[in-house]
Amino acid sequence: MERPDDRIASILRFATELVAWTATPWALWGHSRLLAVLAVVVLIGLPTVFSTPGDKAQVIVPVPGAVTVLLVLLQLAAAVVAAWAAWPVWAALTVSVLAAATLVTESPRWRWLLATSRTAP
């Protein structure tokens, strides 16, 4: 199975990641500054370190495709939950629509990642 063209999905995924990286510490800052900083480290660090071979050019720690899918779902959930916790309704609704669009456009890539040949060595 060939890797699907995911240019639009990549743009939407990156936009959602930016929201997660912004909204999550924003929502957590009033509760714990340390937790806010740790959340950003986790949201940026995990996908940087762990990736599926063939999905990225540079793989530091190879993982099965299912792990990559779960990391994207973590970003989406963080973006939506944090936006609803920290931002006005109109902004949270916008983020929710963005996350839904990301889910839809990511599905071909996720099917490819979850194929049996997309596992770490």
N, C-alpha and C. Protein backbone atom coordinates (compact mmCIF):
# COMPACT_ATOMS: atom_id res chain seq x y z
N MET A 1 0.85 -1.18 0.00
CA MET A 1 0.00 0.00 0.00
C MET A 1 0.90 1.25 0.00
N GLU A 2 0.63 2.14 -0.91
CA GLU A 2 1.42 3.36 -1.05
C GLU A 2 0.92 4.44 -0.09
N ARG A 3 1.86 5.25 0.40
CA ARG A 3 1.50 6.34 1.31
C ARG A 3 0.57 7.31 0.59
N PRO A 4 -0.58 7.63 1.18
CA PRO A 4 -1.52 8.54 0.52
C PRO A 4 -1.01 9.98 0.50
N ASP A 5 -1.50 10.73 -0.48
CA ASP A 5 -1.19 12.16 -0.55
C ASP A 5 -1.96 12.84 0.59
N ASP A 6 -1.24 13.40 1.53
CA ASP A 6 -1.91 13.97 2.70
C ASP A 6 -1.55 15.43 2.92
N ARG A 7 -1.39 16.17 1.83
CA ARG A 7 -1.00 17.58 1.97
C ARG A 7 -2.05 18.38 2.73
N ILE A 8 -3.31 18.23 2.38
CA ILE A 8 -4.37 18.97 3.09
C ILE A 8 -4.46 18.49 4.53
N ALA A 9 -4.41 17.18 4.72
CA ALA A 9 -4.45 16.63 6.08
C ALA A 9 -3.28 17.15 6.91
N SER A 10 -2.11 17.25 6.30
CA SER A 10 -0.92 17.75 7.02
C SER A 10 -1.10 19.19 7.46
N ILE A 11 -1.68 20.00 6.60
CA ILE A 11 -1.92 21.41 6.95
C ILE A 11 -2.90 21.50 8.12
N LEU A 12 -4.00 20.75 8.03
CA LEU A 12 -4.99 20.77 9.11
C LEU A 12 -4.42 20.19 10.39
N ARG A 13 -3.65 19.10 10.27
CA ARG A 13 -3.03 18.49 11.46
C ARG A 13 -2.07 19.48 12.13
N PHE A 14 -1.26 20.17 11.33
CA PHE A 14 -0.32 21.14 11.89
C PHE A 14 -1.06 22.29 12.56
N ALA A 15 -2.12 22.77 11.94
CA ALA A 15 -2.91 23.85 12.55
C ALA A 15 -3.49 23.40 13.89
N THR A 16 -3.97 22.16 13.94
CA THR A 16 -4.52 21.64 15.19
C THR A 16 -3.42 21.47 16.24
N GLU A 17 -2.24 21.04 15.81
CA GLU A 17 -1.12 20.93 16.74
C GLU A 17 -0.76 22.30 17.32
N LEU A 18 -0.73 23.32 16.47
CA LEU A 18 -0.44 24.68 16.97
C LEU A 18 -1.46 25.11 18.02
N VAL A 19 -2.72 24.79 17.77
CA VAL A 19 -3.76 25.11 18.76
C VAL A 19 -3.50 24.36 20.05
N ALA A 20 -3.19 23.07 19.95
CA ALA A 20 -2.93 22.27 21.16
C ALA A 20 -1.74 22.84 21.93
N TRP A 21 -0.69 23.21 21.21
CA TRP A 21 0.51 23.75 21.86
C TRP A 21 0.24 25.11 22.51
N THR A 22 -0.75 25.82 22.04
CA THR A 22 -1.09 27.13 22.58
C THR A 22 -2.17 27.04 23.65
N ALA A 23 -3.25 26.36 23.34
CA ALA A 23 -4.41 26.32 24.24
C ALA A 23 -4.15 25.50 25.50
N THR A 24 -3.40 24.42 25.38
CA THR A 24 -3.18 23.56 26.54
C THR A 24 -2.45 24.28 27.67
N PRO A 25 -1.29 24.91 27.41
CA PRO A 25 -0.66 25.64 28.51
C PRO A 25 -1.51 26.82 28.98
N TRP A 26 -2.23 27.44 28.07
CA TRP A 26 -3.11 28.55 28.42
C TRP A 26 -4.15 28.08 29.44
N ALA A 27 -4.75 26.91 29.17
CA ALA A 27 -5.77 26.38 30.07
C ALA A 27 -5.18 25.92 31.40
N LEU A 28 -3.94 25.44 31.39
CA LEU A 28 -3.33 24.89 32.61
C LEU A 28 -2.59 25.92 33.45
N TRP A 29 -2.22 27.05 32.87
CA TRP A 29 -1.36 28.02 33.53
C TRP A 29 -1.89 28.46 34.90
N GLY A 30 -3.18 28.70 35.00
CA GLY A 30 -3.76 29.14 36.26
C GLY A 30 -3.76 28.07 37.34
N HIS A 31 -3.68 26.81 36.93
CA HIS A 31 -3.68 25.70 37.89
C HIS A 31 -2.26 25.34 38.31
N SER A 32 -1.37 25.24 37.32
CA SER A 32 0.00 24.85 37.61
C SER A 32 0.89 25.25 36.44
N ARG A 33 1.82 26.12 36.70
CA ARG A 33 2.74 26.54 35.64
C ARG A 33 3.62 25.37 35.20
N LEU A 34 4.02 24.54 36.15
CA LEU A 34 4.84 23.37 35.82
C LEU A 34 4.06 22.42 34.90
N LEU A 35 2.81 22.17 35.23
CA LEU A 35 1.98 21.30 34.40
C LEU A 35 1.78 21.88 33.01
N ALA A 36 1.64 23.19 32.92
CA ALA A 36 1.49 23.85 31.62
C ALA A 36 2.73 23.63 30.76
N VAL A 37 3.90 23.80 31.35
CA VAL A 37 5.15 23.61 30.61
C VAL A 37 5.33 22.14 30.24
N LEU A 38 5.04 21.24 31.17
CA LEU A 38 5.17 19.81 30.89
C LEU A 38 4.23 19.37 29.77
N ALA A 39 3.04 19.94 29.73
CA ALA A 39 2.08 19.60 28.68
C ALA A 39 2.64 19.95 27.30
N VAL A 40 3.27 21.10 27.20
CA VAL A 40 3.86 21.50 25.91
C VAL A 40 5.02 20.57 25.55
N VAL A 41 5.83 20.23 26.53
CA VAL A 41 6.95 19.31 26.28
C VAL A 41 6.43 17.97 25.77
N VAL A 42 5.37 17.46 26.39
CA VAL A 42 4.79 16.19 25.97
C VAL A 42 4.17 16.30 24.57
N LEU A 43 3.39 17.36 24.35
CA LEU A 43 2.69 17.51 23.06
C LEU A 43 3.65 17.70 21.89
N ILE A 44 4.78 18.34 22.14
CA ILE A 44 5.76 18.54 21.07
C ILE A 44 6.78 17.39 21.06
N GLY A 45 7.20 16.97 22.24
CA GLY A 45 8.27 15.98 22.34
C GLY A 45 7.92 14.59 21.88
N LEU A 46 6.76 14.08 22.29
CA LEU A 46 6.42 12.70 21.93
C LEU A 46 6.38 12.47 20.42
N PRO A 47 5.66 13.31 19.65
CA PRO A 47 5.65 13.07 18.20
C PRO A 47 7.01 13.32 17.53
N THR A 48 7.85 14.12 18.16
CA THR A 48 9.18 14.37 17.61
C THR A 48 10.06 13.14 17.78
N VAL A 49 9.97 12.51 18.94
CA VAL A 49 10.82 11.36 19.25
C VAL A 49 10.29 10.06 18.64
N PHE A 50 8.99 9.84 18.76
CA PHE A 50 8.39 8.58 18.31
C PHE A 50 7.66 8.77 16.99
N SER A 51 8.06 8.02 15.97
CA SER A 51 7.38 8.11 14.68
C SER A 51 7.46 6.77 13.95
N THR A 52 6.59 6.63 12.99
CA THR A 52 6.50 5.39 12.22
C THR A 52 7.41 5.47 11.00
N PRO A 53 8.23 4.45 10.78
CA PRO A 53 9.09 4.43 9.59
C PRO A 53 8.26 4.59 8.31
N GLY A 54 8.72 5.44 7.42
CA GLY A 54 8.01 5.70 6.18
C GLY A 54 7.07 6.88 6.26
N ASP A 55 6.72 7.28 7.47
CA ASP A 55 5.81 8.42 7.65
C ASP A 55 6.59 9.72 7.75
N LYS A 56 7.80 9.66 8.30
CA LYS A 56 8.68 10.82 8.42
C LYS A 56 10.03 10.48 7.82
N ALA A 57 10.73 11.50 7.37
CA ALA A 57 12.07 11.28 6.81
C ALA A 57 13.06 10.89 7.90
N GLN A 58 12.97 11.54 9.06
CA GLN A 58 13.87 11.28 10.18
C GLN A 58 13.11 10.57 11.29
N VAL A 59 13.47 9.33 11.58
CA VAL A 59 12.83 8.57 12.65
C VAL A 59 13.85 8.38 13.76
N ILE A 60 13.55 8.92 14.94
CA ILE A 60 14.45 8.77 16.08
C ILE A 60 14.19 7.44 16.77
N VAL A 61 12.94 7.23 17.20
CA VAL A 61 12.53 5.97 17.81
C VAL A 61 11.37 5.43 16.98
N PRO A 62 11.58 4.32 16.26
CA PRO A 62 10.50 3.79 15.42
C PRO A 62 9.41 3.14 16.26
N VAL A 63 8.17 3.41 15.88
CA VAL A 63 7.01 2.83 16.57
C VAL A 63 6.00 2.37 15.52
N PRO A 64 5.12 1.45 15.90
CA PRO A 64 4.07 1.02 14.98
C PRO A 64 3.14 2.19 14.61
N GLY A 65 2.46 2.05 13.50
CA GLY A 65 1.54 3.09 13.03
C GLY A 65 0.47 3.44 14.04
N ALA A 66 0.02 2.46 14.83
CA ALA A 66 -1.02 2.72 15.82
C ALA A 66 -0.56 3.76 16.84
N VAL A 67 0.71 3.77 17.18
CA VAL A 67 1.23 4.75 18.13
C VAL A 67 1.17 6.15 17.53
N THR A 68 1.51 6.27 16.26
CA THR A 68 1.43 7.57 15.59
C THR A 68 -0.01 8.07 15.55
N VAL A 69 -0.95 7.18 15.26
CA VAL A 69 -2.37 7.56 15.25
C VAL A 69 -2.79 8.03 16.64
N LEU A 70 -2.39 7.31 17.68
CA LEU A 70 -2.73 7.71 19.05
C LEU A 70 -2.12 9.07 19.42
N LEU A 71 -0.92 9.33 18.95
CA LEU A 71 -0.30 10.64 19.23
C LEU A 71 -1.06 11.77 18.55
N VAL A 72 -1.55 11.53 17.34
CA VAL A 72 -2.37 12.55 16.66
C VAL A 72 -3.68 12.75 17.42
N LEU A 73 -4.29 11.66 17.86
CA LEU A 73 -5.54 11.77 18.64
C LEU A 73 -5.31 12.54 19.94
N LEU A 74 -4.14 12.35 20.56
CA LEU A 74 -3.80 13.11 21.76
C LEU A 74 -3.75 14.61 21.46
N GLN A 75 -3.13 14.97 20.34
CA GLN A 75 -3.06 16.38 19.94
C GLN A 75 -4.46 16.95 19.70
N LEU A 76 -5.29 16.19 18.99
CA LEU A 76 -6.65 16.66 18.70
C LEU A 76 -7.45 16.85 19.99
N ALA A 77 -7.37 15.87 20.87
CA ALA A 77 -8.11 15.96 22.14
C ALA A 77 -7.61 17.14 22.97
N ALA A 78 -6.30 17.31 23.04
CA ALA A 78 -5.74 18.43 23.81
C ALA A 78 -6.21 19.76 23.24
N ALA A 79 -6.22 19.88 21.93
CA ALA A 79 -6.64 21.14 21.30
C ALA A 79 -8.09 21.45 21.63
N VAL A 80 -8.97 20.47 21.49
CA VAL A 80 -10.40 20.70 21.71
C VAL A 80 -10.70 20.95 23.19
N VAL A 81 -10.21 20.09 24.05
CA VAL A 81 -10.51 20.23 25.49
C VAL A 81 -9.94 21.53 26.03
N ALA A 82 -8.71 21.84 25.68
CA ALA A 82 -8.09 23.07 26.18
C ALA A 82 -8.77 24.31 25.62
N ALA A 83 -9.18 24.26 24.35
CA ALA A 83 -9.87 25.42 23.77
C ALA A 83 -11.18 25.68 24.50
N TRP A 84 -11.93 24.62 24.80
CA TRP A 84 -13.19 24.81 25.53
C TRP A 84 -12.94 25.30 26.96
N ALA A 85 -11.81 24.90 27.55
CA ALA A 85 -11.51 25.31 28.92
C ALA A 85 -10.99 26.74 29.02
N ALA A 86 -10.30 27.20 27.98
CA ALA A 86 -9.58 28.47 28.11
C ALA A 86 -10.10 29.60 27.24
N TRP A 87 -10.81 29.29 26.18
CA TRP A 87 -11.15 30.31 25.20
C TRP A 87 -12.65 30.54 25.11
N PRO A 88 -13.05 31.64 24.47
CA PRO A 88 -14.49 31.89 24.29
C PRO A 88 -15.14 30.83 23.40
N VAL A 89 -16.45 30.75 23.48
CA VAL A 89 -17.20 29.71 22.76
C VAL A 89 -16.91 29.74 21.26
N TRP A 90 -16.88 30.94 20.67
CA TRP A 90 -16.66 31.01 19.22
C TRP A 90 -15.31 30.41 18.84
N ALA A 91 -14.29 30.62 19.66
CA ALA A 91 -12.96 30.08 19.38
C ALA A 91 -12.95 28.56 19.58
N ALA A 92 -13.59 28.11 20.65
CA ALA A 92 -13.66 26.67 20.91
C ALA A 92 -14.43 25.94 19.82
N LEU A 93 -15.50 26.56 19.32
CA LEU A 93 -16.24 25.96 18.21
C LEU A 93 -15.37 25.87 16.96
N THR A 94 -14.62 26.91 16.69
CA THR A 94 -13.72 26.91 15.53
C THR A 94 -12.69 25.79 15.65
N VAL A 95 -12.12 25.63 16.83
CA VAL A 95 -11.15 24.56 17.06
C VAL A 95 -11.81 23.20 16.91
N SER A 96 -13.03 23.06 17.38
CA SER A 96 -13.75 21.79 17.25
C SER A 96 -13.98 21.43 15.78
N VAL A 97 -14.35 22.42 14.98
CA VAL A 97 -14.54 22.18 13.54
C VAL A 97 -13.21 21.82 12.89
N LEU A 98 -12.14 22.52 13.26
CA LEU A 98 -10.81 22.21 12.74
C LEU A 98 -10.42 20.78 13.08
N ALA A 99 -10.64 20.37 14.33
CA ALA A 99 -10.30 19.01 14.75
C ALA A 99 -11.14 17.97 13.99
N ALA A 100 -12.41 18.26 13.78
CA ALA A 100 -13.27 17.33 13.02
C ALA A 100 -12.79 17.21 11.58
N ALA A 101 -12.42 18.33 10.98
CA ALA A 101 -11.89 18.29 9.61
C ALA A 101 -10.58 17.51 9.56
N THR A 102 -9.78 17.66 10.58
CA THR A 102 -8.53 16.91 10.65
C THR A 102 -8.81 15.41 10.74
N LEU A 103 -9.77 15.03 11.57
CA LEU A 103 -10.14 13.61 11.68
C LEU A 103 -10.53 13.04 10.32
N VAL A 104 -11.35 13.76 9.59
CA VAL A 104 -11.82 13.28 8.29
C VAL A 104 -10.67 13.17 7.30
N THR A 105 -9.86 14.19 7.21
CA THR A 105 -8.78 14.19 6.21
C THR A 105 -7.63 13.26 6.58
N GLU A 106 -7.49 12.93 7.86
CA GLU A 106 -6.43 12.03 8.30
C GLU A 106 -6.75 10.56 8.04
N SER A 107 -8.00 10.22 7.81
CA SER A 107 -8.39 8.80 7.74
C SER A 107 -7.61 7.99 6.69
N PRO A 108 -7.33 8.51 5.49
CA PRO A 108 -6.51 7.70 4.56
C PRO A 108 -5.10 7.43 5.11
N ARG A 109 -4.49 8.42 5.73
CA ARG A 109 -3.16 8.24 6.31
C ARG A 109 -3.21 7.23 7.45
N TRP A 110 -4.26 7.31 8.27
CA TRP A 110 -4.38 6.38 9.38
C TRP A 110 -4.57 4.95 8.89
N ARG A 111 -5.35 4.77 7.82
CA ARG A 111 -5.51 3.42 7.26
C ARG A 111 -4.14 2.90 6.80
N TRP A 112 -3.36 3.78 6.17
CA TRP A 112 -2.02 3.41 5.72
C TRP A 112 -1.12 3.08 6.92
N LEU A 113 -1.16 3.91 7.95
CA LEU A 113 -0.34 3.67 9.14
C LEU A 113 -0.71 2.38 9.85
N LEU A 114 -1.99 2.04 9.83
CA LEU A 114 -2.46 0.85 10.55
C LEU A 114 -2.34 -0.43 9.73
N ALA A 115 -1.95 -0.31 8.46
CA ALA A 115 -1.74 -1.50 7.64
C ALA A 115 -0.64 -2.35 8.26
N THR A 116 -0.72 -3.63 8.09
CA THR A 116 0.22 -4.54 8.76
C THR A 116 1.68 -4.26 8.40
N SER A 117 1.92 -3.70 7.22
CA SER A 117 3.31 -3.42 6.82
C SER A 117 3.86 -2.15 7.47
N ARG A 118 3.04 -1.40 8.18
CA ARG A 118 3.47 -0.13 8.79
C ARG A 118 3.85 -0.33 10.25
N THR A 119 4.67 -1.29 10.56
CA THR A 119 5.09 -1.50 11.94
C THR A 119 6.57 -1.22 12.09
N ALA A 120 6.95 -0.94 13.30
CA ALA A 120 8.36 -0.67 13.58
C ALA A 120 9.15 -1.96 13.42
N PRO A 121 10.40 -1.87 13.01
CA PRO A 121 11.23 -3.08 12.85
C PRO A 121 11.53 -3.73 14.18
